[in-house]
Amino acid sequence: MSDPIAHTTATYDRIASDYDERFTDPPPAFAAFRERFASALPAGARIADLGCGPGRETAWFKERGLAPVGVDRSIGMAKLAAGRGVPAVLGDLRYPPLPPASVDGIWSAAALLHVPSEQTEPTLRAWHAALRPGGVLGLITALGESEGWEPVPYRTEYERWFVHRDPGTLLAALDACGFEVSWHESNATHRTWFNVLATARG
């Protein structure tokens, strides 16, 4: 099988419109956490939405009075985000195209779950480098033990790479990479999700 990140990106290019049509309103726990993250930032704060997909969250942050930029590897997704009237750039969330200490917040929802487990800490260190000291991280990812390919439920001819992480291991990685976790919770839909709010130590 090809590289997990490249293959998953190609899948999202192919399913971008279907994805956008199917995932419109976030689950209640997701929406509540999004509000918690936004409330932790001052008005006009610069944030990066890493793995922004079709840009629904990016647009919500703009409406909330923040200054977001969406980042996604999928050109299909980035085009949809730009169509929502928000800045969107092509980029890899493992090493986002952001200058050091250039953003007040990083939001990443259901995107780290596509990053192979051995790349977790390098990715978190790159996020920490992009945040100013005291900047806020809002992270949603999947919990569990499995890592591998899953077919897209509504387009089964395509596959995506999914990583389900152990919560204790992820929290330890965040600490090792310079983050102070202030709050976390888990909740379940078709997966078990882990919501983490953290700040970047200087």
Protein backbone atom coordinates (compact mmCIF):
# COMPACT_ATOMS: atom_id res chain seq x y z
CA MET A 1 0.00 0.00 0.00
CA SER A 2 1.22 3.53 -0.71
CA ASP A 3 2.26 6.15 1.83
CA PRO A 4 -0.63 6.60 4.30
CA ILE A 5 -0.63 10.41 4.16
CA ALA A 6 -0.40 10.68 0.36
CA HIS A 7 -3.01 7.98 -0.17
CA THR A 8 -5.41 9.54 2.35
CA THR A 9 -4.94 12.96 0.75
CA ALA A 10 -5.83 11.51 -2.65
CA THR A 11 -8.95 9.94 -1.13
CA TYR A 12 -10.06 13.30 0.28
CA ASP A 13 -9.56 14.92 -3.12
CA ARG A 14 -11.96 12.36 -4.57
CA ILE A 15 -14.61 12.53 -1.84
CA ALA A 16 -14.44 16.24 -0.97
CA SER A 17 -17.92 17.14 -2.26
CA ASP A 18 -19.55 14.06 -0.71
CA TYR A 19 -17.84 14.77 2.60
CA ASP A 20 -18.98 18.40 2.58
CA GLU A 21 -22.59 17.44 1.88
CA ARG A 22 -22.70 14.79 4.62
CA PHE A 23 -21.00 16.55 7.52
CA THR A 24 -22.81 19.82 8.09
CA ASP A 25 -23.71 20.25 11.78
CA PRO A 26 -21.19 19.08 14.40
CA PRO A 27 -22.26 16.75 17.23
CA PRO A 28 -23.14 18.61 20.47
CA ALA A 29 -19.93 17.66 22.30
CA PHE A 30 -17.88 18.80 19.32
CA ALA A 31 -19.72 22.14 19.11
CA ALA A 32 -19.35 22.72 22.86
CA PHE A 33 -15.61 22.11 22.68
CA ARG A 34 -15.27 24.42 19.68
CA GLU A 35 -16.92 27.15 21.75
CA ARG A 36 -14.61 26.41 24.70
CA PHE A 37 -11.57 26.79 22.45
CA ALA A 38 -12.82 30.03 20.87
CA SER A 39 -13.66 31.49 24.28
CA ALA A 40 -10.08 30.91 25.43
CA LEU A 41 -8.82 33.37 22.77
CA PRO A 42 -9.14 37.16 22.53
CA ALA A 43 -11.16 38.80 19.78
CA GLY A 44 -9.20 38.94 16.53
CA ALA A 45 -6.77 36.22 17.56
CA ARG A 46 -4.88 34.59 14.69
CA ILE A 47 -5.60 30.87 14.50
CA ALA A 48 -4.70 28.03 12.16
CA ASP A 49 -7.26 25.32 11.43
CA LEU A 50 -4.98 22.38 10.64
CA GLY A 51 -6.65 19.73 8.52
CA CYS A 52 -9.48 22.20 7.87
CA GLY A 53 -11.31 20.01 5.33
CA PRO A 54 -14.08 21.95 3.59
CA GLY A 55 -13.65 24.89 5.95
CA ARG A 56 -16.88 24.83 7.93
CA GLU A 57 -15.04 25.28 11.23
CA THR A 58 -12.70 27.85 9.71
CA ALA A 59 -15.72 29.90 8.61
CA TRP A 60 -17.32 29.50 12.04
CA PHE A 61 -14.19 30.91 13.70
CA LYS A 62 -14.27 33.89 11.34
CA GLU A 63 -17.91 34.55 12.23
CA ARG A 64 -16.90 34.29 15.89
CA GLY A 65 -14.53 37.26 15.46
CA LEU A 66 -11.26 35.38 15.12
CA ALA A 67 -8.76 35.59 12.24
CA PRO A 68 -8.41 32.02 10.93
CA VAL A 69 -6.48 30.41 8.13
CA GLY A 70 -7.33 26.90 6.97
CA VAL A 71 -4.57 24.45 6.12
CA ASP A 72 -5.19 21.17 4.28
CA ARG A 73 -3.18 18.82 2.06
CA SER A 74 -6.21 18.09 -0.12
CA ILE A 75 -6.67 20.59 -2.92
CA GLY A 76 -10.31 19.54 -3.18
CA MET A 77 -10.90 20.38 0.47
CA ALA A 78 -8.90 23.61 0.34
CA LYS A 79 -10.96 24.82 -2.63
CA LEU A 80 -14.18 24.20 -0.71
CA ALA A 81 -12.78 26.10 2.28
CA ALA A 82 -11.76 29.04 0.10
CA GLY A 83 -15.27 29.00 -1.39
CA ARG A 84 -16.58 29.76 2.11
CA GLY A 85 -14.72 33.05 2.07
CA VAL A 86 -11.88 32.15 4.41
CA PRO A 87 -8.14 32.07 3.75
CA ALA A 88 -7.12 28.50 2.92
CA VAL A 89 -3.72 27.20 1.91
CA LEU A 90 -2.35 23.85 0.83
CA GLY A 91 -0.12 22.43 3.52
CA ASP A 92 0.71 19.42 5.64
CA LEU A 93 -0.43 19.56 9.27
CA ARG A 94 2.70 17.62 10.27
CA TYR A 95 4.79 20.69 9.38
CA PRO A 96 2.31 23.52 8.84
CA PRO A 97 3.34 26.45 6.62
CA LEU A 98 3.42 28.89 9.53
CA PRO A 99 6.32 31.05 10.77
CA PRO A 100 7.56 30.39 14.31
CA ALA A 101 5.36 31.82 17.07
CA SER A 102 3.02 33.32 14.48
CA VAL A 103 -0.43 32.19 15.68
CA ASP A 104 -2.41 32.59 18.89
CA GLY A 105 -4.28 29.32 18.47
CA ILE A 106 -4.24 26.02 16.63
CA TRP A 107 -7.42 24.06 16.05
CA SER A 108 -7.22 20.53 14.68
CA ALA A 109 -10.35 18.40 14.60
CA ALA A 110 -10.39 14.80 13.33
CA ALA A 111 -7.13 15.31 11.45
CA LEU A 112 -4.31 14.04 13.69
CA LEU A 113 -6.08 10.68 13.47
CA HIS A 114 -4.69 10.33 9.93
CA VAL A 115 -1.07 10.85 11.06
CA PRO A 116 0.90 7.61 11.64
CA SER A 117 1.58 7.06 15.33
CA GLU A 118 5.37 7.30 15.04
CA GLN A 119 4.96 10.84 13.67
CA THR A 120 2.89 12.07 16.62
CA GLU A 121 5.62 13.85 18.59
CA PRO A 122 7.32 15.52 15.59
CA THR A 123 3.88 16.84 14.56
CA LEU A 124 3.11 18.19 18.04
CA ARG A 125 6.54 19.85 18.19
CA ALA A 126 5.86 21.59 14.87
CA TRP A 127 2.54 22.84 16.25
CA HIS A 128 4.23 24.12 19.40
CA ALA A 129 6.80 25.98 17.29
CA ALA A 130 4.04 27.75 15.33
CA LEU A 131 2.22 28.91 18.48
CA ARG A 132 3.25 31.95 20.43
CA PRO A 133 4.06 31.24 24.10
CA GLY A 134 0.73 30.89 25.88
CA GLY A 135 -1.04 30.11 22.61
CA VAL A 136 -3.99 27.73 22.75
CA LEU A 137 -4.33 24.28 21.17
CA GLY A 138 -7.73 22.71 20.60
CA LEU A 139 -7.34 19.10 19.51
CA ILE A 140 -9.94 16.45 18.68
CA THR A 141 -8.71 12.99 17.78
CA ALA A 142 -9.79 9.36 18.08
CA LEU A 143 -9.12 6.99 20.97
CA GLY A 144 -8.41 3.28 20.75
CA GLU A 145 -5.70 0.83 19.86
CA SER A 146 -6.00 0.20 16.11
CA GLU A 147 -4.03 1.76 13.27
CA GLY A 148 -4.62 1.00 9.62
CA TRP A 149 -6.75 1.39 6.51
CA GLU A 150 -10.52 1.87 6.63
CA PRO A 151 -12.86 2.17 3.63
CA VAL A 152 -14.88 5.37 3.35
CA PRO A 153 -18.39 4.25 4.44
CA TYR A 154 -20.19 6.15 1.68
CA ARG A 155 -17.50 5.61 -1.01
CA THR A 156 -16.15 2.15 -0.20
CA GLU A 157 -13.87 2.07 -3.23
CA TYR A 158 -11.60 4.54 -1.38
CA GLU A 159 -9.61 4.12 1.83
CA ARG A 160 -8.18 6.37 4.55
CA TRP A 161 -5.52 5.72 7.19
CA PHE A 162 -6.83 5.95 10.76
CA VAL A 163 -4.88 6.02 14.02
CA HIS A 164 -6.71 5.49 17.30
CA ARG A 165 -4.52 6.69 20.16
CA ASP A 166 -4.19 5.83 23.84
CA PRO A 167 -5.20 8.91 25.90
CA GLY A 168 -2.41 8.59 28.45
CA THR A 169 0.23 8.24 25.73
CA LEU A 170 -1.13 11.28 23.88
CA LEU A 171 -1.23 13.43 27.02
CA ALA A 172 2.36 12.44 27.81
CA ALA A 173 3.40 13.35 24.26
CA LEU A 174 1.74 16.75 24.56
CA ASP A 175 3.63 17.40 27.79
CA ALA A 176 6.93 16.28 26.25
CA CYS A 177 6.35 18.61 23.29
CA GLY A 178 5.84 21.72 25.42
CA PHE A 179 2.09 21.81 26.05
CA GLU A 180 0.29 22.32 29.33
CA VAL A 181 -3.02 20.46 29.20
CA SER A 182 -5.74 22.39 31.01
CA TRP A 183 -8.78 20.26 30.15
CA HIS A 184 -9.75 17.08 28.34
CA GLU A 185 -12.74 14.81 27.89
CA SER A 186 -13.85 11.82 25.84
CA ASN A 187 -17.17 11.28 24.08
CA ALA A 188 -18.53 8.77 21.61
CA THR A 189 -20.27 8.80 18.25
CA HIS A 190 -19.22 6.16 15.71
CA ARG A 191 -15.75 6.53 17.28
CA THR A 192 -14.52 7.45 20.73
CA TRP A 193 -13.24 11.00 20.58
CA PHE A 194 -10.75 12.81 22.79
CA ASN A 195 -10.99 16.59 23.14
CA VAL A 196 -7.92 18.34 24.55
CA LEU A 197 -7.40 22.01 25.43
CA ALA A 198 -3.80 22.98 26.07
CA THR A 199 -1.47 25.98 26.09
CA ALA A 200 2.04 26.27 24.70
CA ARG A 201 4.72 26.70 27.34
CA GLY A 202 7.34 29.32 26.51
